[in-house]
Amino acid sequence: MSKTLSLIIAMESATVQDLAVPLSSVNNQLGVDFRQIEVLLIDNGRYQLEDLEPLRVFNRLKFRYIKPAKIWNWPTAFEQGLMLATGDFVAFMGPNMQFNSVDVLQQVFAEIAVHPKTQLFSGLLLREDMQPDRSFTYEVEATTHLLRGRFINRALMMQSGITFEDFGAYTEPFVGQLVEAVAKEPQQLDKAVSVQFLGRTVSDAVLPPAPAKLQLDWVRMMARYLHLLQKLAPERYVQTLAKTIVRFYSQAGQDAAMTAQMAELTAQNAPQWPQVLAFVNNLQNADHTSTAPWNVEPSRFQAYLQRVSPLKAEVSAQS
C-alpha cells in the first residue's frame, strides 16, 4: 500500500524519553489508516540510541530508523530523509515538537482527498516558551515561510530541486519560501497543527526560531533564494526582490555591515534595479501612513537606497 505521509524527525541526540512526546502524538492519531504513514527517525546527533526496543510501545507506527556513521546537522538529516521518503507528502519535526490534537492527520488526509491537486497544506503553529521566572507563554502563529505545521508534496520538492541548503536558523524559511513559490493550489488549515516546546531540556536545535534581529545569514539566504526564485517562479521574482529591499531597511537598515551585504545582493540583481525603484516609488505614492519609512524619515530612507544601489556598487568596484 502506498504511503500518504512520510513524517521525518531529526532526533538531534534525543533520548527515548524525549521521543515519547512527538511519537505519542502520532501514535494516538484517530481515524487514519496507519498503513498510509511512515515515520523516518534520523539519528543525526552526537549521541545515538543504543536500544530501540522501547519504541515498540508505539505499535501503530511503521518506523524507518536511519543511523548515519557521521554527525549530521538537521538540514542534512532532513535532506536525507526526503531522499528516503516514499510518501506522497512529507512533514518535518524535531524532538521538541508534537501534533496539537488527535485528529490532525484525519483532517489533513481528508483535505488531501478533497483537494487532489494541492501541493501544500499549512496549519497554524502553537509555540510554548519558558520565561526567566519559569512561567510559560504561548503564541499561535501562521506557518508562512516555515516548515513546521505543513504538509508538502514530496514530488514537488524533488522535481523543483528544492534542497536543504544550510543557512543556519534561516534554512527553514529558505526552503519554506521556495515551496510556497512553486506549490499549486496551496490550502490553509484553520487550526493549530503542530506544537513546539522551547526552553525544555530537549534540544531546540531542529527548526529553531529565527533570531529576533536579522543576521548576516539572512542576506546570504535571501540572495540564494532570489537566484532560485528567478528560475522557479520568475513572475514573482522582481516584486519579491523589491519587497526584500524595503523590508530590510525597517529591520536592519541602520547596520553598516548588514547594509554592505545588502548592497552585494542588489549588485547580483542589478538589471532589475529600475523596476525595484519603480516599485518603491509606487509604494511611496500609495502609502501615506505615518509609520512608513519614507514618511517617518524620508532622507534616511533615500540615503539607504543610495547605499544599496547597484550603480553605486559598480562605481565603487571600479574605483
C-alpha atoms as a PDB file:
ATOM      1  CA  MET A   1       0.000   0.000   0.000  1.00  0.00           C
ATOM      2  CA  SER A   2       1.404   3.385  -0.999  1.00  0.00           C
ATOM      3  CA  LYS A   3       2.117   5.883   1.746  1.00  0.00           C
ATOM      4  CA  THR A   4       0.251   9.169   2.020  1.00  0.00           C
ATOM      5  CA  LEU A   5       2.635  10.737   4.539  1.00  0.00           C
ATOM      6  CA  SER A   6       6.276  10.406   5.462  1.00  0.00           C
ATOM      7  CA  LEU A   7       6.961  12.074   8.800  1.00  0.00           C
ATOM      8  CA  ILE A   8      10.668  12.931   9.031  1.00  0.00           C
ATOM      9  CA  ILE A   9      12.091  13.517  12.516  1.00  0.00           C
ATOM     10  CA  ALA A  10      15.650  14.767  13.052  1.00  0.00           C
ATOM     11  CA  MET A  11      16.475  13.409  16.518  1.00  0.00           C
ATOM     12  CA  GLU A  12      19.426  15.659  17.438  1.00  0.00           C
ATOM     13  CA  SER A  13      20.726  13.421  20.284  1.00  0.00           C
ATOM     14  CA  ALA A  14      17.227  12.905  21.697  1.00  0.00           C
ATOM     15  CA  THR A  15      16.640  10.100  24.173  1.00  0.00           C
ATOM     16  CA  VAL A  16      13.813   7.599  24.007  1.00  0.00           C
ATOM     17  CA  GLN A  17      12.078   9.637  26.712  1.00  0.00           C
ATOM     18  CA  ASP A  18      12.385  12.764  24.570  1.00  0.00           C
ATOM     19  CA  LEU A  19      10.971  10.972  21.548  1.00  0.00           C
ATOM     20  CA  ALA A  20       7.957   9.784  23.509  1.00  0.00           C
ATOM     21  CA  VAL A  21       6.324  13.219  23.083  1.00  0.00           C
ATOM     22  CA  PRO A  22       6.329  13.505  19.264  1.00  0.00           C
ATOM     23  CA  LEU A  23       5.824   9.768  18.685  1.00  0.00           C
ATOM     24  CA  SER A  24       2.887   9.548  21.076  1.00  0.00           C
ATOM     25  CA  SER A  25       1.205  12.417  19.257  1.00  0.00           C
ATOM     26  CA  VAL A  26       1.472  10.417  16.029  1.00  0.00           C
ATOM     27  CA  ASN A  27       0.673   7.021  17.509  1.00  0.00           C
ATOM     28  CA  ASN A  28      -2.508   8.416  19.119  1.00  0.00           C
ATOM     29  CA  GLN A  29      -3.989   9.861  15.962  1.00  0.00           C
ATOM     30  CA  LEU A  30      -7.576   8.818  15.339  1.00  0.00           C
ATOM     31  CA  GLY A  31      -9.428   7.976  12.153  1.00  0.00           C
ATOM     32  CA  VAL A  32      -6.448   7.231   9.897  1.00  0.00           C
ATOM     33  CA  ASP A  33      -5.101   4.066   8.318  1.00  0.00           C
ATOM     34  CA  PHE A  34      -1.592   3.756   9.739  1.00  0.00           C
ATOM     35  CA  ARG A  35      -0.536   1.759   6.702  1.00  0.00           C
ATOM     36  CA  GLN A  36      -0.541   5.154   4.939  1.00  0.00           C
ATOM     37  CA  ILE A  37       2.033   6.622   7.325  1.00  0.00           C
ATOM     38  CA  GLU A  38       5.746   6.061   7.789  1.00  0.00           C
ATOM     39  CA  VAL A  39       7.993   7.668  10.399  1.00  0.00           C
ATOM     40  CA  LEU A  40      11.626   8.238   9.480  1.00  0.00           C
ATOM     41  CA  LEU A  41      13.795   8.657  12.579  1.00  0.00           C
ATOM     42  CA  ILE A  42      17.099  10.250  11.563  1.00  0.00           C
ATOM     43  CA  ASP A  43      19.545   9.706  14.457  1.00  0.00           C
ATOM     44  CA  ASN A  44      21.740  12.600  13.377  1.00  0.00           C
ATOM     45  CA  GLY A  45      23.165  13.967  16.636  1.00  0.00           C
ATOM     46  CA  ARG A  46      26.335  13.464  18.656  1.00  0.00           C
ATOM     47  CA  TYR A  47      24.733  10.775  20.796  1.00  0.00           C
ATOM     48  CA  GLN A  48      22.674   7.986  19.277  1.00  0.00           C
ATOM     49  CA  LEU A  49      20.177   5.492  20.623  1.00  0.00           C
ATOM     50  CA  GLU A  50      21.624   2.232  21.847  1.00  0.00           C
ATOM     51  CA  ASP A  51      18.340   0.368  22.313  1.00  0.00           C
ATOM     52  CA  LEU A  52      15.312   0.652  20.019  1.00  0.00           C
ATOM     53  CA  GLU A  53      13.232  -1.828  21.987  1.00  0.00           C
ATOM     54  CA  PRO A  54      11.324   0.879  23.963  1.00  0.00           C
ATOM     55  CA  LEU A  55       9.985   2.260  20.677  1.00  0.00           C
ATOM     56  CA  ARG A  56       7.916  -0.895  20.222  1.00  0.00           C
ATOM     57  CA  VAL A  57       5.337   0.643  22.542  1.00  0.00           C
ATOM     58  CA  PHE A  58       4.300   2.807  19.591  1.00  0.00           C
ATOM     59  CA  ASN A  59       2.934  -0.257  17.903  1.00  0.00           C
ATOM     60  CA  ARG A  60       0.738   1.521  15.369  1.00  0.00           C
ATOM     61  CA  LEU A  61       3.697   3.150  13.641  1.00  0.00           C
ATOM     62  CA  LYS A  62       5.910   1.886  10.867  1.00  0.00           C
ATOM     63  CA  PHE A  63       9.435   3.106  11.647  1.00  0.00           C
ATOM     64  CA  ARG A  64      12.410   3.557   9.402  1.00  0.00           C
ATOM     65  CA  TYR A  65      15.448   4.173  11.603  1.00  0.00           C
ATOM     66  CA  ILE A  66      18.447   5.835   9.926  1.00  0.00           C
ATOM     67  CA  LYS A  67      21.692   5.800  11.910  1.00  0.00           C
ATOM     68  CA  PRO A  68      24.393   7.684   9.978  1.00  0.00           C
ATOM     69  CA  ALA A  69      28.056   6.974  10.649  1.00  0.00           C
ATOM     70  CA  LYS A  70      28.807  10.713  10.882  1.00  0.00           C
ATOM     71  CA  ILE A  71      27.137  13.562  12.735  1.00  0.00           C
ATOM     72  CA  TRP A  72      24.644  15.357  10.523  1.00  0.00           C
ATOM     73  CA  ASN A  73      23.200  18.795  11.145  1.00  0.00           C
ATOM     74  CA  TRP A  74      19.426  18.938  10.904  1.00  0.00           C
ATOM     75  CA  PRO A  75      19.301  20.313   7.321  1.00  0.00           C
ATOM     76  CA  THR A  76      21.365  17.317   6.181  1.00  0.00           C
ATOM     77  CA  ALA A  77      19.153  14.977   8.197  1.00  0.00           C
ATOM     78  CA  PHE A  78      16.011  16.358   6.566  1.00  0.00           C
ATOM     79  CA  GLU A  79      17.622  16.238   3.134  1.00  0.00           C
ATOM     80  CA  GLN A  80      18.488  12.573   3.581  1.00  0.00           C
ATOM     81  CA  GLY A  81      15.035  11.858   4.967  1.00  0.00           C
ATOM     82  CA  LEU A  82      13.452  13.494   1.935  1.00  0.00           C
ATOM     83  CA  MET A  83      15.515  11.276  -0.361  1.00  0.00           C
ATOM     84  CA  LEU A  84      14.485   8.130   1.516  1.00  0.00           C
ATOM     85  CA  ALA A  85      10.809   9.005   1.993  1.00  0.00           C
ATOM     86  CA  THR A  86       8.157   7.200  -0.033  1.00  0.00           C
ATOM     87  CA  GLY A  87       5.023   9.148   0.965  1.00  0.00           C
ATOM     88  CA  ASP A  88       3.092  11.447  -1.342  1.00  0.00           C
ATOM     89  CA  PHE A  89       3.535  14.165   1.299  1.00  0.00           C
ATOM     90  CA  VAL A  90       6.280  14.899   3.795  1.00  0.00           C
ATOM     91  CA  ALA A  91       6.222  16.684   7.147  1.00  0.00           C
ATOM     92  CA  PHE A  92       9.206  17.665   9.271  1.00  0.00           C
ATOM     93  CA  MET A  93       9.620  17.566  13.053  1.00  0.00           C
ATOM     94  CA  GLY A  94      12.209  17.909  15.775  1.00  0.00           C
ATOM     95  CA  PRO A  95      12.176  16.090  19.124  1.00  0.00           C
ATOM     96  CA  ASN A  96      10.607  19.126  20.822  1.00  0.00           C
ATOM     97  CA  MET A  97       7.502  19.035  18.638  1.00  0.00           C
ATOM     98  CA  GLN A  98       4.191  17.182  18.538  1.00  0.00           C
ATOM     99  CA  PHE A  99       0.837  17.254  16.789  1.00  0.00           C
ATOM    100  CA  ASN A 100      -1.600  19.521  18.580  1.00  0.00           C
ATOM    101  CA  SER A 101      -4.568  17.154  18.701  1.00  0.00           C
ATOM    102  CA  VAL A 102      -5.516  13.543  17.989  1.00  0.00           C
ATOM    103  CA  ASP A 103      -7.386  14.393  14.790  1.00  0.00           C
ATOM    104  CA  VAL A 104      -4.709  16.398  12.961  1.00  0.00           C
ATOM    105  CA  LEU A 105      -3.868  13.702  10.420  1.00  0.00           C
ATOM    106  CA  GLN A 106      -7.515  12.773   9.973  1.00  0.00           C
ATOM    107  CA  GLN A 107      -8.245  16.342   8.905  1.00  0.00           C
ATOM    108  CA  VAL A 108      -5.157  16.621   6.723  1.00  0.00           C
ATOM    109  CA  PHE A 109      -5.887  13.334   4.945  1.00  0.00           C
ATOM    110  CA  ALA A 110      -9.485  14.472   4.385  1.00  0.00           C
ATOM    111  CA  GLU A 111      -8.215  17.707   2.829  1.00  0.00           C
ATOM    112  CA  ILE A 112      -5.822  15.764   0.602  1.00  0.00           C
ATOM    113  CA  ALA A 113      -8.757  13.685  -0.665  1.00  0.00           C
ATOM    114  CA  VAL A 114     -10.870  16.786  -1.334  1.00  0.00           C
ATOM    115  CA  HIS A 115      -8.042  18.760  -2.971  1.00  0.00           C
ATOM    116  CA  PRO A 116      -6.034  16.241  -5.025  1.00  0.00           C
ATOM    117  CA  LYS A 117      -4.146  18.962  -6.926  1.00  0.00           C
ATOM    118  CA  THR A 118      -2.994  20.776  -3.812  1.00  0.00           C
ATOM    119  CA  GLN A 119       0.739  20.509  -3.138  1.00  0.00           C
ATOM    120  CA  LEU A 120       0.944  22.352   0.173  1.00  0.00           C
ATOM    121  CA  PHE A 121      -1.271  22.176   3.266  1.00  0.00           C
ATOM    122  CA  SER A 122      -0.467  24.669   6.036  1.00  0.00           C
ATOM    123  CA  GLY A 123      -1.813  24.766   9.563  1.00  0.00           C
ATOM    124  CA  LEU A 124      -1.071  27.037  12.487  1.00  0.00           C
ATOM    125  CA  LEU A 125       1.852  26.641  14.879  1.00  0.00           C
ATOM    126  CA  LEU A 126       1.461  26.807  18.646  1.00  0.00           C
ATOM    127  CA  ARG A 127       4.699  27.686  20.416  1.00  0.00           C
ATOM    128  CA  GLU A 128       5.339  27.295  24.130  1.00  0.00           C
ATOM    129  CA  ASP A 129       8.263  29.182  25.634  1.00  0.00           C
ATOM    130  CA  MET A 130       9.617  29.369  29.174  1.00  0.00           C
ATOM    131  CA  GLN A 131      10.324  32.766  30.722  1.00  0.00           C
ATOM    132  CA  PRO A 132      13.142  33.548  33.206  1.00  0.00           C
ATOM    133  CA  ASP A 133      10.695  33.198  36.114  1.00  0.00           C
ATOM    134  CA  ARG A 134       9.799  29.697  34.811  1.00  0.00           C
ATOM    135  CA  SER A 135       6.342  30.770  33.711  1.00  0.00           C
ATOM    136  CA  PHE A 136       5.167  29.761  30.241  1.00  0.00           C
ATOM    137  CA  THR A 137       3.954  31.877  27.363  1.00  0.00           C
ATOM    138  CA  TYR A 138       2.007  30.609  24.368  1.00  0.00           C
ATOM    139  CA  GLU A 139       1.859  32.049  20.886  1.00  0.00           C
ATOM    140  CA  VAL A 140      -0.140  30.932  17.865  1.00  0.00           C
ATOM    141  CA  GLU A 141       1.240  31.973  14.501  1.00  0.00           C
ATOM    142  CA  ALA A 142       0.844  31.256  10.827  1.00  0.00           C
ATOM    143  CA  THR A 143       3.415  28.970   9.249  1.00  0.00           C
ATOM    144  CA  THR A 144       4.234  31.349   6.396  1.00  0.00           C
ATOM    145  CA  HIS A 145       7.847  30.778   5.296  1.00  0.00           C
ATOM    146  CA  LEU A 146       8.125  27.865   7.740  1.00  0.00           C
ATOM    147  CA  LEU A 147       8.138  24.063   7.537  1.00  0.00           C
ATOM    148  CA  ARG A 148       6.648  23.384  10.952  1.00  0.00           C
ATOM    149  CA  GLY A 149       2.947  22.598  10.749  1.00  0.00           C
ATOM    150  CA  ARG A 150       3.000  21.992   6.984  1.00  0.00           C
ATOM    151  CA  PHE A 151       2.475  19.020   4.711  1.00  0.00           C
ATOM    152  CA  ILE A 152       4.378  19.278   1.439  1.00  0.00           C
ATOM    153  CA  ASN A 153       4.066  17.263  -1.747  1.00  0.00           C
ATOM    154  CA  ARG A 154       7.309  15.289  -1.954  1.00  0.00           C
ATOM    155  CA  ALA A 155       7.348  15.168  -5.761  1.00  0.00           C
ATOM    156  CA  LEU A 156       7.095  18.970  -5.804  1.00  0.00           C
ATOM    157  CA  MET A 157      10.306  19.296  -3.807  1.00  0.00           C
ATOM    158  CA  MET A 158      12.140  16.643  -5.785  1.00  0.00           C
ATOM    159  CA  GLN A 159      11.118  17.877  -9.232  1.00  0.00           C
ATOM    160  CA  SER A 160      11.782  21.536  -8.360  1.00  0.00           C
ATOM    161  CA  GLY A 161      15.217  20.672  -6.963  1.00  0.00           C
ATOM    162  CA  ILE A 162      14.432  22.262  -3.584  1.00  0.00           C
ATOM    163  CA  THR A 163      17.105  21.160  -1.134  1.00  0.00           C
ATOM    164  CA  PHE A 164      18.027  21.937   2.462  1.00  0.00           C
ATOM    165  CA  GLU A 165      20.936  24.271   1.850  1.00  0.00           C
ATOM    166  CA  ASP A 166      22.426  25.229   5.193  1.00  0.00           C
ATOM    167  CA  PHE A 167      21.779  28.834   6.228  1.00  0.00           C
ATOM    168  CA  GLY A 168      21.697  28.177   9.955  1.00  0.00           C
ATOM    169  CA  ALA A 169      18.462  29.392  11.537  1.00  0.00           C
ATOM    170  CA  TYR A 170      17.362  30.651   8.110  1.00  0.00           C
ATOM    171  CA  THR A 171      17.406  27.235   6.435  1.00  0.00           C
ATOM    172  CA  GLU A 172      13.743  26.721   7.278  1.00  0.00           C
ATOM    173  CA  PRO A 173      12.490  29.989   5.699  1.00  0.00           C
ATOM    174  CA  PHE A 174      14.731  29.330   2.686  1.00  0.00           C
ATOM    175  CA  VAL A 175      13.012  26.012   1.990  1.00  0.00           C
ATOM    176  CA  GLY A 176       9.603  27.249   3.130  1.00  0.00           C
ATOM    177  CA  GLN A 177       9.623  30.244   0.791  1.00  0.00           C
ATOM    178  CA  LEU A 178      10.691  28.156  -2.205  1.00  0.00           C
ATOM    179  CA  VAL A 179       7.908  25.665  -1.541  1.00  0.00           C
ATOM    180  CA  GLU A 180       5.366  28.494  -1.284  1.00  0.00           C
ATOM    181  CA  ALA A 181       6.584  29.978  -4.571  1.00  0.00           C
ATOM    182  CA  VAL A 182       6.060  26.810  -6.612  1.00  0.00           C
ATOM    183  CA  ALA A 183       3.245  24.920  -4.845  1.00  0.00           C
ATOM    184  CA  LYS A 184      -0.006  24.567  -6.751  1.00  0.00           C
ATOM    185  CA  GLU A 185      -3.311  25.436  -5.090  1.00  0.00           C
ATOM    186  CA  PRO A 186      -1.993  25.743  -1.500  1.00  0.00           C
ATOM    187  CA  GLN A 187      -4.579  25.231   1.233  1.00  0.00           C
ATOM    188  CA  GLN A 188      -4.676  26.815   4.691  1.00  0.00           C
ATOM    189  CA  LEU A 189      -5.992  24.818   7.652  1.00  0.00           C
ATOM    190  CA  ASP A 190      -7.766  26.925  10.273  1.00  0.00           C
ATOM    191  CA  LYS A 191      -6.379  25.154  13.327  1.00  0.00           C
ATOM    192  CA  ALA A 192      -3.112  24.643  15.172  1.00  0.00           C
ATOM    193  CA  VAL A 193      -1.468  21.583  13.657  1.00  0.00           C
ATOM    194  CA  SER A 194       1.877  21.480  15.443  1.00  0.00           C
ATOM    195  CA  VAL A 195       3.181  22.472  18.860  1.00  0.00           C
ATOM    196  CA  GLN A 196       6.813  23.358  19.507  1.00  0.00           C
ATOM    197  CA  PHE A 197       8.196  23.473  23.043  1.00  0.00           C
ATOM    198  CA  LEU A 198      11.071  25.868  23.670  1.00  0.00           C
ATOM    199  CA  GLY A 199      13.107  26.112  26.841  1.00  0.00           C
ATOM    200  CA  ARG A 200      12.727  22.473  27.830  1.00  0.00           C
ATOM    201  CA  THR A 201      15.587  20.038  28.314  1.00  0.00           C
ATOM    202  CA  VAL A 202      15.121  18.533  24.854  1.00  0.00           C
ATOM    203  CA  SER A 203      17.167  20.243  22.129  1.00  0.00           C
ATOM    204  CA  ASP A 204      15.727  23.303  20.388  1.00  0.00           C
ATOM    205  CA  ALA A 205      18.265  22.967  17.582  1.00  0.00           C
ATOM    206  CA  VAL A 206      15.935  21.433  14.983  1.00  0.00           C
ATOM    207  CA  LEU A 207      13.856  24.066  13.151  1.00  0.00           C
ATOM    208  CA  PRO A 208      14.893  26.800  15.618  1.00  0.00           C
ATOM    209  CA  PRO A 209      13.040  30.116  15.764  1.00  0.00           C
ATOM    210  CA  ALA A 210      14.668  32.822  13.685  1.00  0.00           C
ATOM    211  CA  PRO A 211      16.743  35.371  15.639  1.00  0.00           C
ATOM    212  CA  ALA A 212      14.831  38.451  16.758  1.00  0.00           C
ATOM    213  CA  LYS A 213      17.371  40.642  14.937  1.00  0.00           C
ATOM    214  CA  LEU A 214      18.356  39.894  11.352  1.00  0.00           C
ATOM    215  CA  GLN A 215      21.729  38.213  10.992  1.00  0.00           C
ATOM    216  CA  LEU A 216      24.138  38.192   8.056  1.00  0.00           C
ATOM    217  CA  ASP A 217      23.000  34.678   7.179  1.00  0.00           C
ATOM    218  CA  TRP A 218      19.595  36.143   6.315  1.00  0.00           C
ATOM    219  CA  VAL A 219      21.040  38.250   3.487  1.00  0.00           C
ATOM    220  CA  ARG A 220      23.071  35.300   2.236  1.00  0.00           C
ATOM    221  CA  MET A 221      19.950  33.138   2.326  1.00  0.00           C
ATOM    222  CA  MET A 222      17.843  35.734   0.502  1.00  0.00           C
ATOM    223  CA  ALA A 223      20.463  36.127  -2.225  1.00  0.00           C
ATOM    224  CA  ARG A 224      20.324  32.406  -2.901  1.00  0.00           C
ATOM    225  CA  TYR A 225      16.535  32.341  -2.613  1.00  0.00           C
ATOM    226  CA  LEU A 226      16.127  35.144  -5.161  1.00  0.00           C
ATOM    227  CA  HIS A 227      18.535  33.405  -7.525  1.00  0.00           C
ATOM    228  CA  LEU A 228      16.438  30.232  -7.425  1.00  0.00           C
ATOM    229  CA  LEU A 229      13.139  32.129  -7.485  1.00  0.00           C
ATOM    230  CA  GLN A 230      14.153  33.750 -10.766  1.00  0.00           C
ATOM    231  CA  LYS A 231      14.354  30.252 -12.248  1.00  0.00           C
ATOM    232  CA  LEU A 232      11.440  28.541 -10.471  1.00  0.00           C
ATOM    233  CA  ALA A 233       8.857  31.343 -10.354  1.00  0.00           C
ATOM    234  CA  PRO A 234      10.103  34.275 -12.485  1.00  0.00           C
ATOM    235  CA  GLU A 235       6.728  36.022 -12.300  1.00  0.00           C
ATOM    236  CA  ARG A 236       7.294  36.583  -8.548  1.00  0.00           C
ATOM    237  CA  TYR A 237      10.956  37.470  -8.723  1.00  0.00           C
ATOM    238  CA  VAL A 238      11.049  41.270  -9.214  1.00  0.00           C
ATOM    239  CA  GLN A 239       8.336  42.116  -6.696  1.00  0.00           C
ATOM    240  CA  THR A 240       9.899  39.795  -4.110  1.00  0.00           C
ATOM    241  CA  LEU A 241      13.275  41.457  -4.670  1.00  0.00           C
ATOM    242  CA  ALA A 242      11.756  44.911  -4.168  1.00  0.00           C
ATOM    243  CA  LYS A 243       9.847  43.870  -1.042  1.00  0.00           C
ATOM    244  CA  THR A 244      13.028  42.341   0.365  1.00  0.00           C
ATOM    245  CA  ILE A 245      14.924  45.601  -0.055  1.00  0.00           C
ATOM    246  CA  VAL A 246      12.164  47.622   1.622  1.00  0.00           C
ATOM    247  CA  ARG A 247      11.708  45.146   4.456  1.00  0.00           C
ATOM    248  CA  PHE A 248      15.440  45.080   5.128  1.00  0.00           C
ATOM    249  CA  TYR A 249      15.532  48.822   5.756  1.00  0.00           C
ATOM    250  CA  SER A 250      12.978  48.592   8.570  1.00  0.00           C
ATOM    251  CA  GLN A 251      14.735  45.683  10.249  1.00  0.00           C
ATOM    252  CA  ALA A 252      18.451  46.269   9.726  1.00  0.00           C
ATOM    253  CA  GLY A 253      18.955  49.318   7.522  1.00  0.00           C
ATOM    254  CA  GLN A 254      20.966  51.121  10.192  1.00  0.00           C
ATOM    255  CA  ASP A 255      23.515  48.298  10.483  1.00  0.00           C
ATOM    256  CA  ALA A 256      26.530  49.140   8.314  1.00  0.00           C
ATOM    257  CA  ALA A 257      27.782  45.571   7.896  1.00  0.00           C
ATOM    258  CA  MET A 258      24.344  44.266   7.038  1.00  0.00           C
ATOM    259  CA  THR A 259      23.734  47.126   4.597  1.00  0.00           C
ATOM    260  CA  ALA A 260      27.017  46.310   2.850  1.00  0.00           C
ATOM    261  CA  GLN A 261      25.790  42.738   2.441  1.00  0.00           C
ATOM    262  CA  MET A 262      22.500  44.035   1.034  1.00  0.00           C
ATOM    263  CA  ALA A 263      24.473  46.103  -1.490  1.00  0.00           C
ATOM    264  CA  GLU A 264      26.076  42.873  -2.676  1.00  0.00           C
ATOM    265  CA  LEU A 265      22.622  41.325  -3.052  1.00  0.00           C
ATOM    266  CA  THR A 266      21.368  44.246  -5.165  1.00  0.00           C
ATOM    267  CA  ALA A 267      24.544  44.091  -7.262  1.00  0.00           C
ATOM    268  CA  GLN A 268      23.736  40.457  -8.049  1.00  0.00           C
ATOM    269  CA  ASN A 269      20.306  41.619  -9.216  1.00  0.00           C
ATOM    270  CA  ALA A 270      21.410  44.876 -10.868  1.00  0.00           C
ATOM    271  CA  PRO A 271      19.394  44.535 -14.120  1.00  0.00           C
ATOM    272  CA  GLN A 272      16.179  44.720 -12.088  1.00  0.00           C
ATOM    273  CA  TRP A 273      17.114  47.892 -10.160  1.00  0.00           C
ATOM    274  CA  PRO A 274      14.950  50.250 -12.299  1.00  0.00           C
ATOM    275  CA  GLN A 275      11.948  48.003 -11.633  1.00  0.00           C
ATOM    276  CA  VAL A 276      12.780  47.981  -7.930  1.00  0.00           C
ATOM    277  CA  LEU A 277      12.835  51.781  -7.852  1.00  0.00           C
ATOM    278  CA  ALA A 278       9.533  51.900  -9.733  1.00  0.00           C
ATOM    279  CA  PHE A 279       8.006  49.570  -7.146  1.00  0.00           C
ATOM    280  CA  VAL A 280       9.316  51.723  -4.294  1.00  0.00           C
ATOM    281  CA  ASN A 281       8.003  54.897  -5.952  1.00  0.00           C
ATOM    282  CA  ASN A 282       4.560  53.323  -6.256  1.00  0.00           C
ATOM    283  CA  LEU A 283       4.691  52.426  -2.571  1.00  0.00           C
ATOM    284  CA  GLN A 284       5.649  55.966  -1.629  1.00  0.00           C
ATOM    285  CA  ASN A 285       2.817  57.416  -3.696  1.00  0.00           C
ATOM    286  CA  ALA A 286       0.247  54.990  -2.303  1.00  0.00           C
ATOM    287  CA  ASP A 287       1.267  54.683   1.360  1.00  0.00           C
ATOM    288  CA  HIS A 288       0.927  57.912   3.320  1.00  0.00           C
ATOM    289  CA  THR A 289       0.777  56.295   6.754  1.00  0.00           C
ATOM    290  CA  SER A 290       2.880  57.852   9.486  1.00  0.00           C
ATOM    291  CA  THR A 291       4.771  54.604  10.105  1.00  0.00           C
ATOM    292  CA  ALA A 292       6.039  54.086   6.555  1.00  0.00           C
ATOM    293  CA  PRO A 293       9.835  54.652   6.497  1.00  0.00           C
ATOM    294  CA  TRP A 294       9.641  57.084   3.565  1.00  0.00           C
ATOM    295  CA  ASN A 295       7.281  59.216   5.668  1.00  0.00           C
ATOM    296  CA  VAL A 296       8.971  58.814   9.057  1.00  0.00           C
ATOM    297  CA  GLU A 297      12.493  59.569   7.848  1.00  0.00           C
ATOM    298  CA  PRO A 298      12.454  60.206   4.101  1.00  0.00           C
ATOM    299  CA  SER A 299      16.054  61.447   3.871  1.00  0.00           C
ATOM    300  CA  ARG A 300      17.422  58.375   5.682  1.00  0.00           C
ATOM    301  CA  PHE A 301      15.359  56.044   3.518  1.00  0.00           C
ATOM    302  CA  GLN A 302      16.623  57.690   0.338  1.00  0.00           C
ATOM    303  CA  ALA A 303      20.188  57.524   1.665  1.00  0.00           C
ATOM    304  CA  TYR A 304      19.692  53.803   2.291  1.00  0.00           C
ATOM    305  CA  LEU A 305      18.547  53.280  -1.296  1.00  0.00           C
ATOM    306  CA  GLN A 306      21.651  55.113  -2.474  1.00  0.00           C
ATOM    307  CA  ARG A 307      23.904  52.931  -0.305  1.00  0.00           C
ATOM    308  CA  VAL A 308      22.475  49.698  -1.698  1.00  0.00           C
ATOM    309  CA  SER A 309      22.119  50.937  -5.266  1.00  0.00           C
ATOM    310  CA  PRO A 310      23.937  48.563  -7.636  1.00  0.00           C
ATOM    311  CA  LEU A 311      25.006  51.593  -9.683  1.00  0.00           C
ATOM    312  CA  LYS A 312      26.961  52.894  -6.695  1.00  0.00           C
ATOM    313  CA  ALA A 313      28.304  49.392  -6.019  1.00  0.00           C
ATOM    314  CA  GLU A 314      29.558  49.262  -9.608  1.00  0.00           C
ATOM    315  CA  VAL A 315      31.295  52.630  -9.312  1.00  0.00           C
ATOM    316  CA  SER A 316      32.909  51.613  -6.005  1.00  0.00           C
ATOM    317  CA  ALA A 317      34.187  48.375  -7.520  1.00  0.00           C
ATOM    318  CA  GLN A 318      35.853  50.259 -10.369  1.00  0.00           C
ATOM    319  CA  SER A 319      37.467  52.962  -8.196  1.00  0.00           C
END
